[in-house]
Amino acid sequence: MAKIQAVKGTRDLYPEQFRPIRRIFDAWRRASELHGFEEFESPTLEYLDLYREKSGDELVGQLYRLTDSGGRELALQPEMTPSLARMVAAKINALPKPIKWFCIPKLFRGENVQRGRLREFFQWNVDVIGSDSSIADAEVILVGIEALRNLGLTAEHFSVHVSNRRLIAAILAAGKIEDGEQAGAYALLDKAGKMKPDELAAKWNEKFGERLALEQLREWLSARDVSRLAESVGGALGMTEELEAASAQTSDVMSALSAFGVGDFCQLDLKIVRGLAYYTGPVFEFFDKSQNERAICGGGRYDDLLGKLGKQKEPAVGFGMGDVVLSLLLEDHGLLASPDRRRIVFVADATDGLRSELQRVVAGLRRAGMQTEFNYVQQALGKQLRHADKHGAVAVVILGDETRERNACQVKNLASGTSKEVSIDSLLADPAAALGIA
């Protein structure tokens, strides 16, 4: 029988490989909770209809689909926002607003496997539902920045590119590209970096060139000042109420980010469109600033999604950050591996007949909050010490005949190499002090 391997695009995460990912989870969870977000979870399986017409053609084409025994079409979760919207819509009148939730699910997409892009991955999702304030948009971005800072990344390593689908839509509308055609325009703009300039120009000119020149549009989308942009577009195409309102919204988000003290991480970049169909306002992407220029994270405002699920319209904003690209970025900067903060204590029995005492000490140390290991069978002390060293123990507690009568043990600190005798009662009362570890 041929050896069965992991499915292409998935990972076998052995403990030493999962440990750095757990550190990423800890940073995500800590940043979320410090900013007032509560953790939730949803099913891995959803009905396929949840994603049709809500996530865009590109994502729907990447779904892992299946049919259950009742003939119902299902899909493995490719993203969290539709599930979140479904859950909130089901209890919209009972949930206090604003709703601030986060989760760290495993997601699945049938993408072409390449470095930084897998078919199964973890993703941190942070969302605010029930507030149309630009401060909510800014706080969502702030949470992402703080998590990356907690992992050791700085403004030299990454930046946040902030855009606004509403502002882009206002520019398109001023150029006579109306709502029904804008999805096609977004799709072309979103793929601009992946297409040859001549190919992009040909496709744009075929559909929209007579109304809005691509060269002029791209010049506007390269603007770094919202006020000047609005003046330029208004002067060329005529100022509209929506163009004015969308410009003000974009300025408010940028001002809020500065007020939060993270303005140095952020820049206006209207070339960011985001491919998902449900975005309605400010959108953003976190970018690796190295030569790789990888997108670490993306999100934005999706005020209409709950309404599409048959419930009342609710303002909402959020993002998703995957672990795969972030791990590569941390690895590139020597920040992926962290100092091993596990304080493992190993308990050894130097002679036969001490198993019950060993188990009592092990249980007592664990109840006192110490991560404690031991061998299931009694072995020579040398073998036990080598086992302790191999598993990264910081100290060894040695039980032996010579200390049994005094209800004591030998404590060996593996970092300093020093040994001392301590009473078992004092060891269990204050393990850190008795073991000499901080």
Protein backbone atom coordinates (compact mmCIF):
# COMPACT_ATOMS: atom_id res chain seq x y z
CA MET A 1 0.00 0.00 0.00
CA ALA A 2 1.35 3.41 -0.97
CA LYS A 3 2.22 5.80 1.82
CA ILE A 4 -0.63 8.22 2.48
CA GLN A 5 0.59 11.80 2.81
CA ALA A 6 -1.09 14.99 3.91
CA VAL A 7 -3.39 16.52 1.31
CA LYS A 8 -1.65 19.06 -0.91
CA GLY A 9 -1.99 22.55 0.52
CA THR A 10 -2.44 21.35 4.11
CA ARG A 11 0.09 21.04 6.92
CA ASP A 12 1.17 18.45 9.47
CA LEU A 13 1.99 20.69 12.42
CA TYR A 14 4.22 18.80 14.83
CA PRO A 15 4.62 20.37 18.30
CA GLU A 16 7.81 22.25 17.38
CA GLN A 17 6.07 23.71 14.30
CA PHE A 18 2.82 24.47 16.05
CA ARG A 19 4.52 26.27 18.94
CA PRO A 20 5.30 29.45 16.93
CA ILE A 21 1.73 29.47 15.59
CA ARG A 22 0.41 29.27 19.15
CA ARG A 23 2.51 32.35 19.89
CA ILE A 24 0.75 34.12 17.00
CA PHE A 25 -2.62 33.00 18.39
CA ASP A 26 -1.66 34.42 21.80
CA ALA A 27 -0.79 37.80 20.26
CA TRP A 28 -4.05 37.85 18.29
CA ARG A 29 -6.14 36.89 21.30
CA ARG A 30 -4.41 39.33 23.66
CA ALA A 31 -4.83 42.27 21.27
CA SER A 32 -8.49 41.41 20.71
CA GLU A 33 -9.32 41.17 24.39
CA LEU A 34 -7.39 44.35 25.31
CA HIS A 35 -9.54 46.25 22.80
CA GLY A 36 -12.80 44.85 24.12
CA PHE A 37 -13.54 42.10 21.58
CA GLU A 38 -15.20 38.84 22.64
CA GLU A 39 -14.35 35.45 21.15
CA PHE A 40 -16.95 33.39 19.25
CA GLU A 41 -17.00 30.30 17.06
CA SER A 42 -19.14 29.06 14.17
CA PRO A 43 -19.55 25.76 12.27
CA THR A 44 -16.91 24.64 9.78
CA LEU A 45 -19.71 23.60 7.40
CA GLU A 46 -22.18 26.11 5.96
CA TYR A 47 -24.86 25.91 3.29
CA LEU A 48 -23.45 26.77 -0.11
CA ASP A 49 -26.15 29.41 -0.62
CA LEU A 50 -24.56 31.51 2.13
CA TYR A 51 -21.67 32.30 -0.23
CA ARG A 52 -23.51 32.62 -3.51
CA GLU A 53 -23.88 36.30 -4.46
CA LYS A 54 -22.30 37.38 -1.18
CA SER A 55 -18.59 36.66 -1.50
CA GLY A 56 -17.90 37.26 -5.21
CA ASP A 57 -17.25 34.89 -8.10
CA GLU A 58 -13.54 34.40 -7.36
CA LEU A 59 -14.07 33.10 -3.83
CA VAL A 60 -17.10 30.99 -4.73
CA GLY A 61 -14.95 29.28 -7.37
CA GLN A 62 -12.48 28.28 -4.63
CA LEU A 63 -15.03 26.62 -2.35
CA TYR A 64 -14.69 23.04 -1.18
CA ARG A 65 -18.21 21.80 -1.87
CA LEU A 66 -19.98 18.63 -0.80
CA THR A 67 -23.49 17.22 -0.77
CA ASP A 68 -24.85 15.55 2.36
CA SER A 69 -27.04 12.44 2.50
CA GLY A 70 -30.14 14.60 2.16
CA GLY A 71 -28.94 16.21 -1.07
CA ARG A 72 -28.16 19.57 0.55
CA GLU A 73 -25.25 21.55 -0.92
CA LEU A 74 -22.65 22.44 1.71
CA ALA A 75 -19.25 24.10 1.75
CA LEU A 76 -16.24 24.19 4.06
CA GLN A 77 -15.79 27.72 5.39
CA PRO A 78 -13.58 29.78 3.04
CA GLU A 79 -13.96 32.94 5.15
CA MET A 80 -15.73 34.03 8.32
CA THR A 81 -17.69 37.18 7.46
CA PRO A 82 -20.78 35.47 5.96
CA SER A 83 -20.99 33.10 8.96
CA LEU A 84 -20.63 36.02 11.36
CA ALA A 85 -23.35 37.94 9.54
CA ARG A 86 -25.63 34.89 9.60
CA MET A 87 -25.17 34.43 13.35
CA VAL A 88 -25.70 38.11 14.14
CA ALA A 89 -28.75 38.31 11.86
CA ALA A 90 -30.34 35.42 13.77
CA LYS A 91 -30.23 37.37 17.07
CA ILE A 92 -29.91 40.95 15.88
CA ASN A 93 -32.48 42.38 18.31
CA ALA A 94 -31.09 40.55 21.35
CA LEU A 95 -27.41 41.47 20.99
CA PRO A 96 -26.15 44.69 22.64
CA LYS A 97 -24.49 47.02 20.13
CA PRO A 98 -21.89 47.65 19.03
CA ILE A 99 -21.10 43.96 18.68
CA LYS A 100 -17.33 43.45 18.97
CA TRP A 101 -16.35 39.86 18.22
CA PHE A 102 -13.26 37.96 17.15
CA CYS A 103 -12.41 34.35 16.28
CA ILE A 104 -9.48 32.21 15.09
CA PRO A 105 -10.98 29.49 12.85
CA LYS A 106 -9.41 27.10 10.38
CA LEU A 107 -10.54 27.98 6.83
CA PHE A 108 -10.41 26.19 3.49
CA ARG A 109 -9.93 27.48 -0.07
CA GLY A 110 -9.16 25.54 -3.25
CA GLU A 111 -6.36 27.88 -4.34
CA ASN A 112 -3.22 27.20 -6.33
CA VAL A 113 -0.68 26.21 -3.70
CA GLN A 114 2.37 28.44 -3.50
CA ARG A 115 4.61 29.99 -0.85
CA GLY A 116 2.39 31.93 1.52
CA ARG A 117 -0.84 30.48 0.09
CA LEU A 118 -2.29 27.16 1.27
CA ARG A 119 -5.66 25.45 1.03
CA GLU A 120 -6.08 25.10 4.77
CA PHE A 121 -5.02 27.84 7.17
CA PHE A 122 -5.82 29.64 10.41
CA GLN A 123 -7.27 33.14 10.23
CA TRP A 124 -7.83 35.82 12.85
CA ASN A 125 -11.08 37.69 12.31
CA VAL A 126 -12.02 40.92 14.09
CA ASP A 127 -15.36 42.66 13.51
CA VAL A 128 -17.50 45.51 14.82
CA ILE A 129 -21.22 45.40 13.98
CA GLY A 130 -23.72 48.12 14.78
CA SER A 131 -21.62 51.27 14.44
CA ASP A 132 -21.14 53.47 11.38
CA SER A 133 -18.53 55.62 13.13
CA SER A 134 -15.19 56.01 11.38
CA ILE A 135 -13.64 55.40 14.79
CA ALA A 136 -14.87 51.79 14.54
CA ASP A 137 -13.01 51.40 11.23
CA ALA A 138 -9.90 52.88 12.82
CA GLU A 139 -10.12 50.70 15.93
CA VAL A 140 -10.35 47.53 13.84
CA ILE A 141 -7.15 48.58 12.04
CA LEU A 142 -5.60 49.52 15.39
CA VAL A 143 -6.18 46.02 16.81
CA GLY A 144 -4.33 44.48 13.86
CA ILE A 145 -1.41 46.87 14.24
CA GLU A 146 -1.10 46.22 17.98
CA ALA A 147 -1.04 42.44 17.48
CA LEU A 148 1.81 42.74 14.98
CA ARG A 149 3.67 45.08 17.30
CA ASN A 150 3.30 42.52 20.12
CA LEU A 151 5.00 40.01 17.82
CA GLY A 152 7.98 42.35 17.39
CA LEU A 153 7.10 43.97 14.05
CA THR A 154 7.47 47.74 13.59
CA ALA A 155 6.64 50.43 11.04
CA GLU A 156 9.85 49.42 9.26
CA HIS A 157 8.37 45.96 8.65
CA PHE A 158 4.79 46.64 7.58
CA SER A 159 2.33 49.38 6.62
CA VAL A 160 -1.45 49.69 6.36
CA HIS A 161 -2.84 50.87 3.03
CA VAL A 162 -6.25 52.47 3.52
CA SER A 163 -8.76 52.94 0.71
CA ASN A 164 -12.53 53.46 0.38
CA ARG A 165 -14.78 51.56 -2.00
CA ARG A 166 -17.40 54.25 -1.49
CA LEU A 167 -14.98 56.95 -2.65
CA ILE A 168 -13.90 54.89 -5.67
CA ALA A 169 -17.58 54.29 -6.48
CA ALA A 170 -18.24 58.04 -6.28
CA ILE A 171 -15.40 58.69 -8.74
CA LEU A 172 -16.70 56.00 -11.09
CA ALA A 173 -20.24 57.38 -10.84
CA ALA A 174 -18.99 60.89 -11.58
CA GLY A 175 -17.38 59.35 -14.67
CA LYS A 176 -20.79 57.88 -15.72
CA ILE A 177 -19.93 54.30 -14.68
CA GLU A 178 -23.09 53.46 -12.76
CA ASP A 179 -23.81 50.92 -10.01
CA GLY A 180 -24.61 48.01 -12.29
CA GLU A 181 -21.23 48.24 -14.01
CA GLN A 182 -19.05 49.04 -11.03
CA ALA A 183 -18.48 45.41 -10.01
CA GLY A 184 -16.72 44.86 -13.34
CA ALA A 185 -14.64 47.98 -12.83
CA TYR A 186 -13.64 46.86 -9.31
CA ALA A 187 -12.63 43.44 -10.64
CA LEU A 188 -10.28 45.00 -13.20
CA LEU A 189 -8.80 47.44 -10.71
CA ASP A 190 -8.30 44.70 -8.12
CA LYS A 191 -6.32 42.65 -10.66
CA ALA A 192 -4.28 45.58 -11.96
CA GLY A 193 -1.10 44.45 -10.22
CA LYS A 194 -1.37 40.96 -11.75
CA MET A 195 -2.10 42.03 -15.35
CA LYS A 196 0.17 43.45 -18.02
CA PRO A 197 -0.48 47.19 -18.51
CA ASP A 198 -1.49 46.73 -22.16
CA GLU A 199 -3.93 43.95 -21.26
CA LEU A 200 -5.49 46.01 -18.47
CA ALA A 201 -5.80 49.07 -20.70
CA ALA A 202 -7.42 47.04 -23.49
CA LYS A 203 -10.02 45.51 -21.19
CA TRP A 204 -10.76 48.84 -19.49
CA ASN A 205 -11.05 50.78 -22.73
CA GLU A 206 -13.36 48.15 -24.18
CA LYS A 207 -15.87 48.62 -21.36
CA PHE A 208 -15.32 52.06 -19.84
CA GLY A 209 -12.70 53.99 -21.84
CA GLU A 210 -15.14 56.34 -23.57
CA ARG A 211 -16.48 57.58 -20.24
CA LEU A 212 -13.46 57.55 -17.93
CA ALA A 213 -9.85 57.30 -19.10
CA LEU A 214 -7.87 54.63 -17.25
CA GLU A 215 -4.76 56.83 -17.08
CA GLN A 216 -6.71 59.63 -15.41
CA LEU A 217 -8.42 57.24 -13.00
CA ARG A 218 -5.13 55.65 -11.97
CA GLU A 219 -3.64 59.08 -11.38
CA TRP A 220 -6.52 59.89 -9.03
CA LEU A 221 -6.21 56.53 -7.27
CA SER A 222 -2.53 57.30 -6.62
CA ALA A 223 -3.39 60.43 -4.63
CA ARG A 224 -2.12 60.68 -1.07
CA ASP A 225 -4.29 63.63 0.02
CA VAL A 226 -8.08 63.16 0.13
CA SER A 227 -8.97 66.86 -0.04
CA ARG A 228 -6.85 67.51 -3.11
CA LEU A 229 -8.23 64.37 -4.73
CA ALA A 230 -11.81 65.50 -4.23
CA GLU A 231 -11.00 68.92 -5.66
CA SER A 232 -9.31 67.37 -8.68
CA VAL A 233 -12.13 64.91 -9.43
CA GLY A 234 -14.77 67.55 -8.76
CA GLY A 235 -13.07 70.00 -11.05
CA ALA A 236 -12.84 67.47 -13.88
CA LEU A 237 -16.13 65.61 -13.53
CA GLY A 238 -18.22 67.81 -11.28
CA MET A 239 -18.53 67.66 -7.49
CA THR A 240 -21.36 65.43 -6.23
CA GLU A 241 -22.81 64.99 -2.75
CA GLU A 242 -21.62 61.38 -2.64
CA LEU A 243 -18.09 62.31 -3.70
CA GLU A 244 -18.00 64.93 -0.96
CA ALA A 245 -19.41 62.55 1.68
CA ALA A 246 -17.09 59.68 0.73
CA SER A 247 -14.07 61.99 0.84
CA ALA A 248 -15.07 63.19 4.31
CA GLN A 249 -15.50 59.59 5.50
CA THR A 250 -12.02 58.68 4.26
CA SER A 251 -10.50 61.74 5.96
CA ASP A 252 -12.26 60.82 9.22
CA VAL A 253 -10.75 57.32 9.20
CA MET A 254 -7.25 58.66 8.60
CA SER A 255 -7.70 61.27 11.35
CA ALA A 256 -8.91 58.62 13.81
CA LEU A 257 -5.87 56.46 13.08
CA SER A 258 -3.62 59.42 13.82
CA ALA A 259 -5.50 60.10 17.05
CA PHE A 260 -4.94 56.46 18.09
CA GLY A 261 -1.21 57.05 17.61
CA VAL A 262 -0.71 54.72 14.65
CA GLY A 263 -0.70 57.24 11.82
CA ASP A 264 2.94 56.38 11.04
CA PHE A 265 1.83 52.87 10.08
CA CYS A 266 -0.93 54.03 7.72
CA GLN A 267 -1.17 55.62 4.28
CA LEU A 268 -3.93 56.43 1.82
CA ASP A 269 -3.86 54.04 -1.15
CA LEU A 270 -6.98 54.05 -3.33
CA LYS A 271 -5.51 51.35 -5.54
CA ILE A 272 -6.68 48.93 -2.83
CA VAL A 273 -10.12 47.72 -3.95
CA ARG A 274 -10.59 44.31 -2.27
CA GLY A 275 -12.18 41.65 -4.45
CA LEU A 276 -15.03 40.50 -2.20
CA ALA A 277 -18.43 41.70 -3.36
CA TYR A 278 -19.84 42.84 -0.01
CA TYR A 279 -17.48 45.75 0.81
CA THR A 280 -19.29 49.10 0.88
CA GLY A 281 -16.91 51.68 2.37
CA PRO A 282 -13.40 51.99 3.76
CA VAL A 283 -11.19 49.00 2.94
CA PHE A 284 -7.58 48.29 3.89
CA GLU A 285 -4.69 45.88 3.56
CA PHE A 286 -1.62 45.36 5.72
CA PHE A 287 1.53 45.02 3.58
CA ASP A 288 4.95 43.57 4.21
CA LYS A 289 7.40 46.41 3.41
CA SER A 290 10.21 44.11 2.29
CA GLN A 291 10.89 43.33 -1.35
CA ASN A 292 8.31 40.53 -1.13
CA GLU A 293 5.45 43.07 -0.74
CA ARG A 294 3.10 40.45 0.64
CA ALA A 295 -0.42 41.28 1.82
CA ILE A 296 -0.61 40.22 5.46
CA CYS A 297 -4.23 41.06 6.08
CA GLY A 298 -7.27 42.65 4.46
CA GLY A 299 -10.68 43.93 5.44
CA GLY A 300 -13.14 46.76 5.33
CA ARG A 301 -16.70 47.97 5.86
CA TYR A 302 -19.61 45.76 4.77
CA ASP A 303 -22.76 47.65 5.74
CA ASP A 304 -25.15 45.75 3.44
CA LEU A 305 -24.32 42.11 4.21
CA LEU A 306 -26.85 41.58 7.00
CA GLY A 307 -29.55 43.07 4.79
CA LYS A 308 -28.67 40.54 2.08
CA LEU A 309 -29.39 37.78 4.59
CA GLY A 310 -32.98 38.99 4.88
CA LYS A 311 -32.57 41.02 8.08
CA GLN A 312 -32.34 44.72 8.80
CA LYS A 313 -29.33 46.58 7.50
CA GLU A 314 -26.55 47.00 10.08
CA PRO A 315 -23.24 48.85 9.67
CA ALA A 316 -20.24 46.55 10.05
CA VAL A 317 -16.48 46.55 9.60
CA GLY A 318 -13.83 43.85 10.05
CA PHE A 319 -10.77 42.03 8.75
CA GLY A 320 -9.16 38.63 8.37
CA MET A 321 -5.44 37.91 8.95
CA GLY A 322 -4.02 34.50 8.03
CA ASP A 323 -1.21 32.75 9.87
CA VAL A 324 0.71 31.57 6.78
CA VAL A 325 1.96 34.87 5.34
CA LEU A 326 2.43 36.32 8.83
CA SER A 327 4.62 33.33 9.79
CA LEU A 328 6.77 33.90 6.70
CA LEU A 329 7.15 37.60 7.54
CA LEU A 330 8.13 36.84 11.13
CA GLU A 331 10.56 34.16 9.96
CA ASP A 332 12.19 36.55 7.48
CA HIS A 333 12.88 39.00 10.31
CA GLY A 334 14.02 36.38 12.83
CA LEU A 335 10.91 36.86 14.95
CA LEU A 336 9.05 33.59 14.42
CA ALA A 337 10.74 31.52 17.09
CA SER A 338 10.27 32.88 20.60
CA PRO A 339 12.16 32.13 23.80
CA ASP A 340 10.69 28.97 25.26
CA ARG A 341 8.74 30.30 28.23
CA ARG A 342 7.62 26.85 29.36
CA ARG A 343 9.01 26.21 32.81
CA ILE A 344 9.09 22.44 32.74
CA VAL A 345 10.05 20.69 35.99
CA PHE A 346 11.05 17.05 35.84
CA VAL A 347 10.56 14.76 38.82
CA ALA A 348 12.88 11.72 39.04
CA ASP A 349 12.96 8.77 41.42
CA ALA A 350 16.52 7.63 42.02
CA THR A 351 15.56 4.26 43.53
CA ASP A 352 12.72 1.75 43.43
CA GLY A 353 9.73 2.02 45.72
CA LEU A 354 9.15 5.78 45.32
CA ARG A 355 6.48 5.74 42.60
CA SER A 356 3.64 6.78 44.92
CA GLU A 357 5.70 9.60 46.42
CA LEU A 358 6.75 10.72 42.92
CA GLN A 359 3.13 10.85 41.77
CA ARG A 360 2.17 12.85 44.88
CA VAL A 361 4.91 15.40 44.18
CA VAL A 362 4.04 15.60 40.47
CA ALA A 363 0.37 16.22 41.24
CA GLY A 364 1.24 18.83 43.88
CA LEU A 365 3.54 20.75 41.54
CA ARG A 366 0.93 20.74 38.78
CA ARG A 367 -1.75 22.01 41.15
CA ALA A 368 0.66 24.81 42.08
CA GLY A 369 0.81 25.82 38.41
CA MET A 370 4.10 24.21 37.37
CA GLN A 371 4.34 22.26 34.11
CA THR A 372 5.69 18.98 35.41
CA GLU A 373 6.93 15.83 33.64
CA PHE A 374 8.15 12.39 34.77
CA ASN A 375 8.87 8.95 33.31
CA TYR A 376 6.05 6.42 33.39
CA VAL A 377 8.49 3.69 34.43
CA GLN A 378 11.37 3.90 36.87
CA GLN A 379 14.77 4.07 35.13
CA ALA A 380 18.36 4.73 36.07
CA LEU A 381 18.79 8.30 37.27
CA GLY A 382 21.16 9.12 34.41
CA LYS A 383 18.55 8.18 31.83
CA GLN A 384 15.93 10.28 33.61
CA LEU A 385 18.24 13.30 33.68
CA ARG A 386 18.93 12.95 29.96
CA HIS A 387 15.18 12.72 29.34
CA ALA A 388 14.66 15.91 31.37
CA ASP A 389 17.33 17.76 29.41
CA LYS A 390 15.96 16.56 26.05
CA HIS A 391 12.51 17.92 26.91
CA GLY A 392 13.81 21.32 27.97
CA ALA A 393 13.35 21.05 31.72
CA VAL A 394 14.63 23.99 33.76
CA ALA A 395 14.89 22.02 37.01
CA VAL A 396 14.84 18.44 38.26
CA VAL A 397 13.38 17.24 41.54
CA ILE A 398 15.16 14.04 42.67
CA LEU A 399 13.57 11.71 45.17
CA GLY A 400 15.92 9.21 46.87
CA ASP A 401 16.38 6.93 49.85
CA GLU A 402 18.75 9.35 51.59
CA THR A 403 16.15 12.14 51.69
CA ARG A 404 12.99 10.08 52.16
CA GLU A 405 13.23 9.93 55.95
CA ARG A 406 13.58 13.73 56.13
CA ASN A 407 10.57 14.27 53.79
CA ALA A 408 12.98 16.11 51.51
CA CYS A 409 14.31 16.00 47.95
CA GLN A 410 17.26 17.19 45.92
CA VAL A 411 16.56 20.08 43.55
CA LYS A 412 18.88 20.55 40.59
CA ASN A 413 18.65 23.82 38.63
CA LEU A 414 19.71 22.90 35.09
CA ALA A 415 20.43 26.48 34.08
CA SER A 416 22.91 27.19 36.88
CA GLY A 417 23.96 23.60 37.55
CA THR A 418 23.49 24.06 41.29
CA SER A 419 21.85 21.53 43.61
CA LYS A 420 20.31 21.82 47.06
CA GLU A 421 18.12 19.90 49.43
CA VAL A 422 14.66 21.28 50.18
CA SER A 423 11.71 19.90 52.09
CA ILE A 424 8.87 18.57 49.98
CA ASP A 425 6.41 20.69 51.97
CA SER A 426 8.27 23.92 51.07
CA LEU A 427 8.62 22.75 47.46
CA LEU A 428 4.88 22.29 47.07
CA ALA A 429 4.07 25.48 49.00
CA ASP A 430 6.22 27.75 46.77
CA PRO A 431 7.72 25.80 43.83
CA ALA A 432 9.33 28.79 42.08
CA ALA A 433 11.25 29.83 45.20
CA ALA A 434 12.28 26.29 46.08
CA LEU A 435 13.41 25.57 42.51
CA GLY A 436 15.17 28.92 42.07
CA ILE A 437 13.33 29.83 38.87
CA ALA A 438 11.63 33.15 38.13
